[in-house]
């Protein structure tokens, strides 16, 4: 059987993907910023010399992973906060 961390990571990935598909991708602001990001990326690629392109793309990948890690940490904290709130509500209702 898979360990808890693997199962939790799968759960987290599915939830974050679902949020992205239902909320973020339907946002006009997200679409606008995504298009602007793509345009700027292509413009930067025109300025980068061929010998520096691999380094530039590695940098872009690290930035993407950094953002993904931040989102994951924030999602986990949101779950903890939600459980703490539920616990607090049940504790205060039982006293």
PDB file of N, CA and C in Angstrom:
ATOM      1  N   UNK A   1       0.841  -1.189   0.000  1.00  0.00           N
ATOM      2  CA  UNK A   1       0.000   0.000   0.000  1.00  0.00           C
ATOM      3  C   UNK A   1       0.881   1.245   0.000  1.00  0.00           C
ATOM      4  N   UNK A   2       0.444   2.253  -0.718  1.00  0.00           N
ATOM      5  CA  UNK A   2       1.209   3.493  -0.786  1.00  0.00           C
ATOM      6  C   UNK A   2       1.205   4.185   0.573  1.00  0.00           C
ATOM      7  N   UNK A   3       2.279   4.910   0.838  1.00  0.00           N
ATOM      8  CA  UNK A   3       2.319   5.599   2.121  1.00  0.00           C
ATOM      9  C   UNK A   3       1.454   6.857   2.078  1.00  0.00           C
ATOM     10  N   UNK A   4       1.205   7.405   3.239  1.00  0.00           N
ATOM     11  CA  UNK A   4       0.295   8.538   3.369  1.00  0.00           C
ATOM     12  C   UNK A   4       0.755   9.741   2.558  1.00  0.00           C
ATOM     13  N   UNK A   5       2.053  10.029   2.576  1.00  0.00           N
ATOM     14  CA  UNK A   5       2.557  11.213   1.869  1.00  0.00           C
ATOM     15  C   UNK A   5       2.299  11.123   0.364  1.00  0.00           C
ATOM     16  N   UNK A   6       2.497   9.941  -0.215  1.00  0.00           N
ATOM     17  CA  UNK A   6       2.232   9.760  -1.647  1.00  0.00           C
ATOM     18  C   UNK A   6       0.752   9.965  -1.952  1.00  0.00           C
ATOM     19  N   UNK A   7      -0.101   9.391  -1.123  1.00  0.00           N
ATOM     20  CA  UNK A   7      -1.547   9.528  -1.318  1.00  0.00           C
ATOM     21  C   UNK A   7      -1.963  10.982  -1.162  1.00  0.00           C
ATOM     22  N   UNK A   8      -1.419  11.651  -0.144  1.00  0.00           N
ATOM     23  CA  UNK A   8      -1.748  13.056   0.079  1.00  0.00           C
ATOM     24  C   UNK A   8      -1.276  13.914  -1.089  1.00  0.00           C
ATOM     25  N   UNK A   9      -0.083  13.639  -1.612  1.00  0.00           N
ATOM     26  CA  UNK A   9       0.426  14.408  -2.750  1.00  0.00           C
ATOM     27  C   UNK A   9      -0.446  14.219  -3.988  1.00  0.00           C
ATOM     28  N   UNK A  10      -0.942  13.002  -4.196  1.00  0.00           N
ATOM     29  CA  UNK A  10      -1.856  12.758  -5.315  1.00  0.00           C
ATOM     30  C   UNK A  10      -3.164  13.516  -5.115  1.00  0.00           C
ATOM     31  N   UNK A  11      -3.685  13.477  -3.899  1.00  0.00           N
ATOM     32  CA  UNK A  11      -4.911  14.210  -3.572  1.00  0.00           C
ATOM     33  C   UNK A  11      -4.724  15.696  -3.816  1.00  0.00           C
ATOM     34  N   UNK A  12      -3.608  16.225  -3.326  1.00  0.00           N
ATOM     35  CA  UNK A  12      -3.301  17.648  -3.464  1.00  0.00           C
ATOM     36  C   UNK A  12      -3.196  18.037  -4.940  1.00  0.00           C
ATOM     37  N   UNK A  13      -2.511  17.226  -5.729  1.00  0.00           N
ATOM     38  CA  UNK A  13      -2.352  17.516  -7.156  1.00  0.00           C
ATOM     39  C   UNK A  13      -3.704  17.538  -7.866  1.00  0.00           C
ATOM     40  N   UNK A  14      -4.566  16.570  -7.547  1.00  0.00           N
ATOM     41  CA  UNK A  14      -5.889  16.528  -8.168  1.00  0.00           C
ATOM     42  C   UNK A  14      -6.727  17.738  -7.775  1.00  0.00           C
ATOM     43  N   UNK A  15      -6.679  18.108  -6.508  1.00  0.00           N
ATOM     44  CA  UNK A  15      -7.451  19.265  -6.046  1.00  0.00           C
ATOM     45  C   UNK A  15      -6.948  20.554  -6.679  1.00  0.00           C
ATOM     46  N   UNK A  16      -5.628  20.722  -6.735  1.00  0.00           N
ATOM     47  CA  UNK A  16      -5.066  21.939  -7.305  1.00  0.00           C
ATOM     48  C   UNK A  16      -5.357  22.014  -8.802  1.00  0.00           C
ATOM     49  N   UNK A  17      -5.316  20.877  -9.488  1.00  0.00           N
ATOM     50  CA  UNK A  17      -5.645  20.856 -10.917  1.00  0.00           C
ATOM     51  C   UNK A  17      -7.115  21.206 -11.120  1.00  0.00           C
ATOM     52  N   UNK A  18      -7.965  20.676 -10.257  1.00  0.00           N
ATOM     53  CA  UNK A  18      -9.393  20.957 -10.344  1.00  0.00           C
ATOM     54  C   UNK A  18      -9.665  22.438 -10.131  1.00  0.00           C
ATOM     55  N   UNK A  19      -9.020  23.027  -9.140  1.00  0.00           N
ATOM     56  CA  UNK A  19      -9.172  24.460  -8.880  1.00  0.00           C
ATOM     57  C   UNK A  19      -8.718  25.243 -10.103  1.00  0.00           C
ATOM     58  N   UNK A  20      -7.596  24.830 -10.665  1.00  0.00           N
ATOM     59  CA  UNK A  20      -7.083  25.513 -11.850  1.00  0.00           C
ATOM     60  C   UNK A  20      -8.053  25.445 -13.012  1.00  0.00           C
ATOM     61  N   UNK A  21      -8.602  24.266 -13.250  1.00  0.00           N
ATOM     62  CA  UNK A  21      -9.516  24.101 -14.378  1.00  0.00           C
ATOM     63  C   UNK A  21     -10.831  24.836 -14.176  1.00  0.00           C
ATOM     64  N   UNK A  22     -11.332  24.856 -12.970  1.00  0.00           N
ATOM     65  CA  UNK A  22     -12.647  25.445 -12.722  1.00  0.00           C
ATOM     66  C   UNK A  22     -12.609  26.943 -12.448  1.00  0.00           C
ATOM     67  N   UNK A  23     -11.578  27.421 -11.807  1.00  0.00           N
ATOM     68  CA  UNK A  23     -11.564  28.805 -11.352  1.00  0.00           C
ATOM     69  C   UNK A  23     -10.553  29.646 -12.117  1.00  0.00           C
ATOM     70  N   UNK A  24      -9.302  29.264 -12.036  1.00  0.00           N
ATOM     71  CA  UNK A  24      -8.237  30.102 -12.577  1.00  0.00           C
ATOM     72  C   UNK A  24      -8.332  30.228 -14.086  1.00  0.00           C
ATOM     73  N   UNK A  25      -8.500  29.112 -14.785  1.00  0.00           N
ATOM     74  CA  UNK A  25      -8.480  29.156 -16.241  1.00  0.00           C
ATOM     75  C   UNK A  25      -9.678  29.891 -16.826  1.00  0.00           C
ATOM     76  N   UNK A  26     -10.725  30.074 -16.065  1.00  0.00           N
ATOM     77  CA  UNK A  26     -11.884  30.830 -16.528  1.00  0.00           C
ATOM     78  C   UNK A  26     -11.777  32.311 -16.192  1.00  0.00           C
ATOM     79  N   UNK A  27     -10.726  32.687 -15.520  1.00  0.00           N
ATOM     80  CA  UNK A  27     -10.527  34.077 -15.128  1.00  0.00           C
ATOM     81  C   UNK A  27      -9.985  34.889 -16.305  1.00  0.00           C
ATOM     82  N   UNK A  28     -10.656  35.987 -16.617  1.00  0.00           N
ATOM     83  CA  UNK A  28     -10.178  36.869 -17.687  1.00  0.00           C
ATOM     84  C   UNK A  28      -8.810  37.434 -17.348  1.00  0.00           C
ATOM     85  N   UNK A  29      -8.591  37.768 -16.099  1.00  0.00           N
ATOM     86  CA  UNK A  29      -7.297  38.317 -15.670  1.00  0.00           C
ATOM     87  C   UNK A  29      -6.192  37.273 -15.832  1.00  0.00           C
ATOM     88  N   UNK A  30      -6.482  36.030 -15.489  1.00  0.00           N
ATOM     89  CA  UNK A  30      -5.495  34.961 -15.660  1.00  0.00           C
ATOM     90  C   UNK A  30      -5.143  34.793 -17.132  1.00  0.00           C
ATOM     91  N   UNK A  31      -6.164  34.781 -17.992  1.00  0.00           N
ATOM     92  CA  UNK A  31      -5.920  34.632 -19.428  1.00  0.00           C
ATOM     93  C   UNK A  31      -5.085  35.789 -19.959  1.00  0.00           C
ATOM     94  N   UNK A  32      -5.401  37.003 -19.527  1.00  0.00           N
ATOM     95  CA  UNK A  32      -4.657  38.176 -19.979  1.00  0.00           C
ATOM     96  C   UNK A  32      -3.199  38.080 -19.556  1.00  0.00           C
ATOM     97  N   UNK A  33      -2.980  37.749 -18.282  1.00  0.00           N
ATOM     98  CA  UNK A  33      -1.605  37.640 -17.781  1.00  0.00           C
ATOM     99  C   UNK A  33      -0.857  36.482 -18.431  1.00  0.00           C
ATOM    100  N   UNK A  34      -1.549  35.399 -18.708  1.00  0.00           N
ATOM    101  CA  UNK A  34      -0.925  34.261 -19.368  1.00  0.00           C
ATOM    102  C   UNK A  34      -0.472  34.634 -20.776  1.00  0.00           C
ATOM    103  N   UNK A  35      -1.319  35.337 -21.498  1.00  0.00           N
ATOM    104  CA  UNK A  35      -0.953  35.787 -22.845  1.00  0.00           C
ATOM    105  C   UNK A  35       0.217  36.764 -22.794  1.00  0.00           C
ATOM    106  N   UNK A  36       0.196  37.664 -21.839  1.00  0.00           N
ATOM    107  CA  UNK A  36       1.295  38.626 -21.679  1.00  0.00           C
ATOM    108  C   UNK A  36       2.590  37.906 -21.320  1.00  0.00           C
ATOM    109  N   UNK A  37       2.497  36.917 -20.458  1.00  0.00           N
ATOM    110  CA  UNK A  37       3.667  36.126 -20.082  1.00  0.00           C
ATOM    111  C   UNK A  37       4.244  35.402 -21.297  1.00  0.00           C
ATOM    112  N   UNK A  38       3.381  34.800 -22.103  1.00  0.00           N
ATOM    113  CA  UNK A  38       3.836  34.111 -23.314  1.00  0.00           C
ATOM    114  C   UNK A  38       4.510  35.079 -24.281  1.00  0.00           C
ATOM    115  N   UNK A  39       3.917  36.254 -24.444  1.00  0.00           N
ATOM    116  CA  UNK A  39       4.489  37.255 -25.346  1.00  0.00           C
ATOM    117  C   UNK A  39       5.867  37.692 -24.870  1.00  0.00           C
ATOM    118  N   UNK A  40       5.983  37.978 -23.572  1.00  0.00           N
ATOM    119  CA  UNK A  40       7.270  38.397 -23.015  1.00  0.00           C
ATOM    120  C   UNK A  40       8.311  37.288 -23.111  1.00  0.00           C
ATOM    121  N   UNK A  41       7.886  36.048 -22.884  1.00  0.00           N
ATOM    122  CA  UNK A  41       8.807  34.922 -22.991  1.00  0.00           C
ATOM    123  C   UNK A  41       9.364  34.820 -24.407  1.00  0.00           C
ATOM    124  N   UNK A  42       8.488  34.919 -25.398  1.00  0.00           N
ATOM    125  CA  UNK A  42       8.932  34.833 -26.793  1.00  0.00           C
ATOM    126  C   UNK A  42       9.857  35.999 -27.138  1.00  0.00           C
ATOM    127  N   UNK A  43       9.550  37.169 -26.621  1.00  0.00           N
ATOM    128  CA  UNK A  43      10.405  38.334 -26.863  1.00  0.00           C
ATOM    129  C   UNK A  43      11.783  38.127 -26.231  1.00  0.00           C
ATOM    130  N   UNK A  44      11.807  37.606 -25.017  1.00  0.00           N
ATOM    131  CA  UNK A  44      13.091  37.316 -24.366  1.00  0.00           C
ATOM    132  C   UNK A  44      13.891  36.275 -25.146  1.00  0.00           C
ATOM    133  N   UNK A  45      13.209  35.275 -25.666  1.00  0.00           N
ATOM    134  CA  UNK A  45      13.898  34.240 -26.449  1.00  0.00           C
ATOM    135  C   UNK A  45      14.606  34.839 -27.660  1.00  0.00           C
ATOM    136  N   UNK A  46      14.025  35.887 -28.237  1.00  0.00           N
ATOM    137  CA  UNK A  46      14.662  36.548 -29.378  1.00  0.00           C
ATOM    138  C   UNK A  46      15.970  37.225 -28.982  1.00  0.00           C
ATOM    139  N   UNK A  47      16.081  37.653 -27.731  1.00  0.00           N
ATOM    140  CA  UNK A  47      17.276  38.358 -27.267  1.00  0.00           C
ATOM    141  C   UNK A  47      18.377  37.429 -26.760  1.00  0.00           C
ATOM    142  N   UNK A  48      18.002  36.228 -26.379  1.00  0.00           N
ATOM    143  CA  UNK A  48      18.983  35.304 -25.804  1.00  0.00           C
ATOM    144  C   UNK A  48      19.796  34.664 -26.929  1.00  0.00           C
ATOM    145  N   UNK A  49      21.098  34.693 -26.767  1.00  0.00           N
ATOM    146  CA  UNK A  49      21.982  34.068 -27.756  1.00  0.00           C
ATOM    147  C   UNK A  49      21.792  32.554 -27.697  1.00  0.00           C
ATOM    148  N   UNK A  50      21.974  31.874 -28.835  1.00  0.00           N
ATOM    149  CA  UNK A  50      21.764  30.414 -28.863  1.00  0.00           C
ATOM    150  C   UNK A  50      22.540  29.666 -27.779  1.00  0.00           C
ATOM    151  N   UNK A  51      23.765  30.089 -27.491  1.00  0.00           N
ATOM    152  CA  UNK A  51      24.557  29.376 -26.484  1.00  0.00           C
ATOM    153  C   UNK A  51      24.031  29.605 -25.059  1.00  0.00           C
ATOM    154  N   UNK A  52      23.186  30.596 -24.872  1.00  0.00           N
ATOM    155  CA  UNK A  52      22.611  30.853 -23.555  1.00  0.00           C
ATOM    156  C   UNK A  52      21.196  30.328 -23.389  1.00  0.00           C
ATOM    157  N   UNK A  53      20.627  29.784 -24.472  1.00  0.00           N
ATOM    158  CA  UNK A  53      19.224  29.351 -24.435  1.00  0.00           C
ATOM    159  C   UNK A  53      18.989  28.225 -23.434  1.00  0.00           C
ATOM    160  N   UNK A  54      19.883  27.247 -23.352  1.00  0.00           N
ATOM    161  CA  UNK A  54      19.699  26.138 -22.405  1.00  0.00           C
ATOM    162  C   UNK A  54      19.683  26.661 -20.972  1.00  0.00           C
ATOM    163  N   UNK A  55      20.583  27.587 -20.661  1.00  0.00           N
ATOM    164  CA  UNK A  55      20.618  28.179 -19.324  1.00  0.00           C
ATOM    165  C   UNK A  55      19.340  28.963 -19.044  1.00  0.00           C
ATOM    166  N   UNK A  56      18.879  29.723 -20.028  1.00  0.00           N
ATOM    167  CA  UNK A  56      17.653  30.498 -19.883  1.00  0.00           C
ATOM    168  C   UNK A  56      16.458  29.581 -19.626  1.00  0.00           C
ATOM    169  N   UNK A  57      16.357  28.496 -20.388  1.00  0.00           N
ATOM    170  CA  UNK A  57      15.242  27.556 -20.209  1.00  0.00           C
ATOM    171  C   UNK A  57      15.329  26.831 -18.872  1.00  0.00           C
ATOM    172  N   UNK A  58      16.542  26.512 -18.420  1.00  0.00           N
ATOM    173  CA  UNK A  58      16.717  25.925 -17.085  1.00  0.00           C
ATOM    174  C   UNK A  58      16.216  26.889 -16.016  1.00  0.00           C
ATOM    175  N   UNK A  59      16.549  28.164 -16.175  1.00  0.00           N
ATOM    176  CA  UNK A  59      16.082  29.194 -15.237  1.00  0.00           C
ATOM    177  C   UNK A  59      14.550  29.231 -15.219  1.00  0.00           C
ATOM    178  N   UNK A  60      13.933  29.221 -16.392  1.00  0.00           N
ATOM    179  CA  UNK A  60      12.468  29.243 -16.476  1.00  0.00           C
ATOM    180  C   UNK A  60      11.857  28.027 -15.783  1.00  0.00           C
ATOM    181  N   UNK A  61      12.469  26.860 -15.961  1.00  0.00           N
ATOM    182  CA  UNK A  61      11.972  25.645 -15.309  1.00  0.00           C
ATOM    183  C   UNK A  61      12.070  25.741 -13.793  1.00  0.00           C
ATOM    184  N   UNK A  62      13.183  26.275 -13.293  1.00  0.00           N
ATOM    185  CA  UNK A  62      13.356  26.419 -11.841  1.00  0.00           C
ATOM    186  C   UNK A  62      12.333  27.399 -11.279  1.00  0.00           C
ATOM    187  N   UNK A  63      12.083  28.495 -11.982  1.00  0.00           N
ATOM    188  CA  UNK A  63      11.086  29.470 -11.533  1.00  0.00           C
ATOM    189  C   UNK A  63       9.700  28.827 -11.488  1.00  0.00           C
ATOM    190  N   UNK A  64       9.384  28.013 -12.492  1.00  0.00           N
ATOM    191  CA  UNK A  64       8.095  27.323 -12.518  1.00  0.00           C
ATOM    192  C   UNK A  64       7.976  26.349 -11.349  1.00  0.00           C
ATOM    193  N   UNK A  65       9.037  25.590 -11.084  1.00  0.00           N
ATOM    194  CA  UNK A  65       9.027  24.661  -9.947  1.00  0.00           C
ATOM    195  C   UNK A  65       8.922  25.403  -8.623  1.00  0.00           C
ATOM    196  N   UNK A  66       9.583  26.543  -8.528  1.00  0.00           N
ATOM    197  CA  UNK A  66       9.509  27.366  -7.318  1.00  0.00           C
ATOM    198  C   UNK A  66       8.075  27.817  -7.066  1.00  0.00           C
ATOM    199  N   UNK A  67       7.397  28.279  -8.108  1.00  0.00           N
ATOM    200  CA  UNK A  67       6.009  28.707  -7.972  1.00  0.00           C
ATOM    201  C   UNK A  67       5.113  27.532  -7.598  1.00  0.00           C
ATOM    202  N   UNK A  68       5.350  26.383  -8.221  1.00  0.00           N
ATOM    203  CA  UNK A  68       4.565  25.192  -7.887  1.00  0.00           C
ATOM    204  C   UNK A  68       4.752  24.774  -6.442  1.00  0.00           C
ATOM    205  N   UNK A  69       5.984  24.867  -5.956  1.00  0.00           N
ATOM    206  CA  UNK A  69       6.265  24.537  -4.554  1.00  0.00           C
ATOM    207  C   UNK A  69       5.546  25.504  -3.629  1.00  0.00           C
ATOM    208  N   UNK A  70       5.580  26.794  -3.965  1.00  0.00           N
ATOM    209  CA  UNK A  70       4.887  27.795  -3.143  1.00  0.00           C
ATOM    210  C   UNK A  70       3.387  27.521  -3.114  1.00  0.00           C
ATOM    211  N   UNK A  71       2.811  27.196  -4.266  1.00  0.00           N
ATOM    212  CA  UNK A  71       1.382  26.893  -4.319  1.00  0.00           C
ATOM    213  C   UNK A  71       1.045  25.666  -3.485  1.00  0.00           C
ATOM    214  N   UNK A  72       1.891  24.661  -3.541  1.00  0.00           N
ATOM    215  CA  UNK A  72       1.671  23.439  -2.772  1.00  0.00           C
ATOM    216  C   UNK A  72       1.717  23.717  -1.273  1.00  0.00           C
ATOM    217  N   UNK A  73       2.704  24.490  -0.848  1.00  0.00           N
ATOM    218  CA  UNK A  73       2.830  24.839   0.573  1.00  0.00           C
ATOM    219  C   UNK A  73       1.616  25.640   1.028  1.00  0.00           C
ATOM    220  N   UNK A  74       1.171  26.584   0.205  1.00  0.00           N
ATOM    221  CA  UNK A  74       0.001  27.391   0.571  1.00  0.00           C
ATOM    222  C   UNK A  74      -1.255  26.528   0.643  1.00  0.00           C
ATOM    223  N   UNK A  75      -1.388  25.565  -0.270  1.00  0.00           N
ATOM    224  CA  UNK A  75      -2.540  24.673  -0.252  1.00  0.00           C
ATOM    225  C   UNK A  75      -2.542  23.841   1.028  1.00  0.00           C
ATOM    226  N   UNK A  76      -1.380  23.290   1.372  1.00  0.00           N
ATOM    227  CA  UNK A  76      -1.273  22.504   2.608  1.00  0.00           C
ATOM    228  C   UNK A  76      -1.623  23.353   3.823  1.00  0.00           C
ATOM    229  N   UNK A  77      -1.142  24.601   3.853  1.00  0.00           N
ATOM    230  CA  UNK A  77      -1.441  25.475   4.984  1.00  0.00           C
ATOM    231  C   UNK A  77      -2.935  25.775   5.036  1.00  0.00           C
ATOM    232  N   UNK A  78      -3.547  25.943   3.874  1.00  0.00           N
ATOM    233  CA  UNK A  78      -4.991  26.166   3.824  1.00  0.00           C
ATOM    234  C   UNK A  78      -5.763  24.981   4.388  1.00  0.00           C
ATOM    235  N   UNK A  79      -5.308  23.764   4.086  1.00  0.00           N
ATOM    236  CA  UNK A  79      -5.943  22.575   4.661  1.00  0.00           C
ATOM    237  C   UNK A  79      -5.792  22.555   6.177  1.00  0.00           C
ATOM    238  N   UNK A  80      -4.569  22.843   6.647  1.00  0.00           N
ATOM    239  CA  UNK A  80      -4.346  22.874   8.106  1.00  0.00           C
ATOM    240  C   UNK A  80      -5.248  23.913   8.762  1.00  0.00           C
ATOM    241  N   UNK A  81      -5.311  25.097   8.155  1.00  0.00           N
ATOM    242  CA  UNK A  81      -6.149  26.161   8.710  1.00  0.00           C
ATOM    243  C   UNK A  81      -7.616  25.753   8.718  1.00  0.00           C
ATOM    244  N   UNK A  82      -8.050  25.086   7.649  1.00  0.00           N
ATOM    245  CA  UNK A  82      -9.435  24.625   7.583  1.00  0.00           C
ATOM    246  C   UNK A  82      -9.753  23.615   8.668  1.00  0.00           C
ATOM    247  N   UNK A  83      -8.850  22.654   8.860  1.00  0.00           N
ATOM    248  CA  UNK A  83      -9.064  21.661   9.921  1.00  0.00           C
ATOM    249  C   UNK A  83      -9.022  22.309  11.302  1.00  0.00           C
ATOM    250  N   UNK A  84      -8.133  23.274  11.485  1.00  0.00           N
ATOM    251  CA  UNK A  84      -8.065  23.981  12.771  1.00  0.00           C
ATOM    252  C   UNK A  84      -9.356  24.741  13.030  1.00  0.00           C
ATOM    253  N   UNK A  85      -9.900  25.359  11.994  1.00  0.00           N
ATOM    254  CA  UNK A  85     -11.148  26.096  12.141  1.00  0.00           C
ATOM    255  C   UNK A  85     -12.295  25.157  12.490  1.00  0.00           C
ATOM    256  N   UNK A  86     -12.363  24.020  11.804  1.00  0.00           N
ATOM    257  CA  UNK A  86     -13.415  23.038  12.109  1.00  0.00           C
ATOM    258  C   UNK A  86     -13.278  22.549  13.547  1.00  0.00           C
ATOM    259  N   UNK A  87     -12.040  22.240  13.951  1.00  0.00           N
ATOM    260  CA  UNK A  87     -11.799  21.776  15.322  1.00  0.00           C
ATOM    261  C   UNK A  87     -12.222  22.841  16.323  1.00  0.00           C
ATOM    262  N   UNK A  88     -11.873  24.096  16.047  1.00  0.00           N
ATOM    263  CA  UNK A  88     -12.237  25.202  16.935  1.00  0.00           C
ATOM    264  C   UNK A  88     -13.751  25.356  17.010  1.00  0.00           C
ATOM    265  N   UNK A  89     -14.428  25.230  15.875  1.00  0.00           N
ATOM    266  CA  UNK A  89     -15.884  25.367  15.859  1.00  0.00           C
ATOM    267  C   UNK A  89     -16.549  24.259  16.662  1.00  0.00           C
ATOM    268  N   UNK A  90     -16.086  23.012  16.493  1.00  0.00           N
ATOM    269  CA  UNK A  90     -16.677  21.907  17.240  1.00  0.00           C
ATOM    270  C   UNK A  90     -16.348  22.003  18.722  1.00  0.00           C
ATOM    271  N   UNK A  91     -15.146  22.463  19.054  1.00  0.00           N
ATOM    272  CA  UNK A  91     -14.759  22.616  20.453  1.00  0.00           C
ATOM    273  C   UNK A  91     -15.599  23.693  21.121  1.00  0.00           C
ATOM    274  N   UNK A  92     -15.799  24.823  20.426  1.00  0.00           N
ATOM    275  CA  UNK A  92     -16.567  25.914  21.026  1.00  0.00           C
ATOM    276  C   UNK A  92     -18.050  25.573  21.103  1.00  0.00           C
ATOM    277  N   UNK A  93     -18.550  24.736  20.205  1.00  0.00           N
ATOM    278  CA  UNK A  93     -19.955  24.326  20.247  1.00  0.00           C
ATOM    279  C   UNK A  93     -20.220  23.308  21.347  1.00  0.00           C
ATOM    280  N   UNK A  94     -19.197  22.561  21.740  1.00  0.00           N
ATOM    281  CA  UNK A  94     -19.363  21.534  22.767  1.00  0.00           C
ATOM    282  C   UNK A  94     -19.128  22.066  24.174  1.00  0.00           C
ATOM    283  N   UNK A  95     -18.742  23.317  24.300  1.00  0.00           N
ATOM    284  CA  UNK A  95     -18.503  23.858  25.649  1.00  0.00           C
ATOM    285  C   UNK A  95     -19.610  24.755  26.086  1.00  0.00           C
TER     286      UNK A  95
END
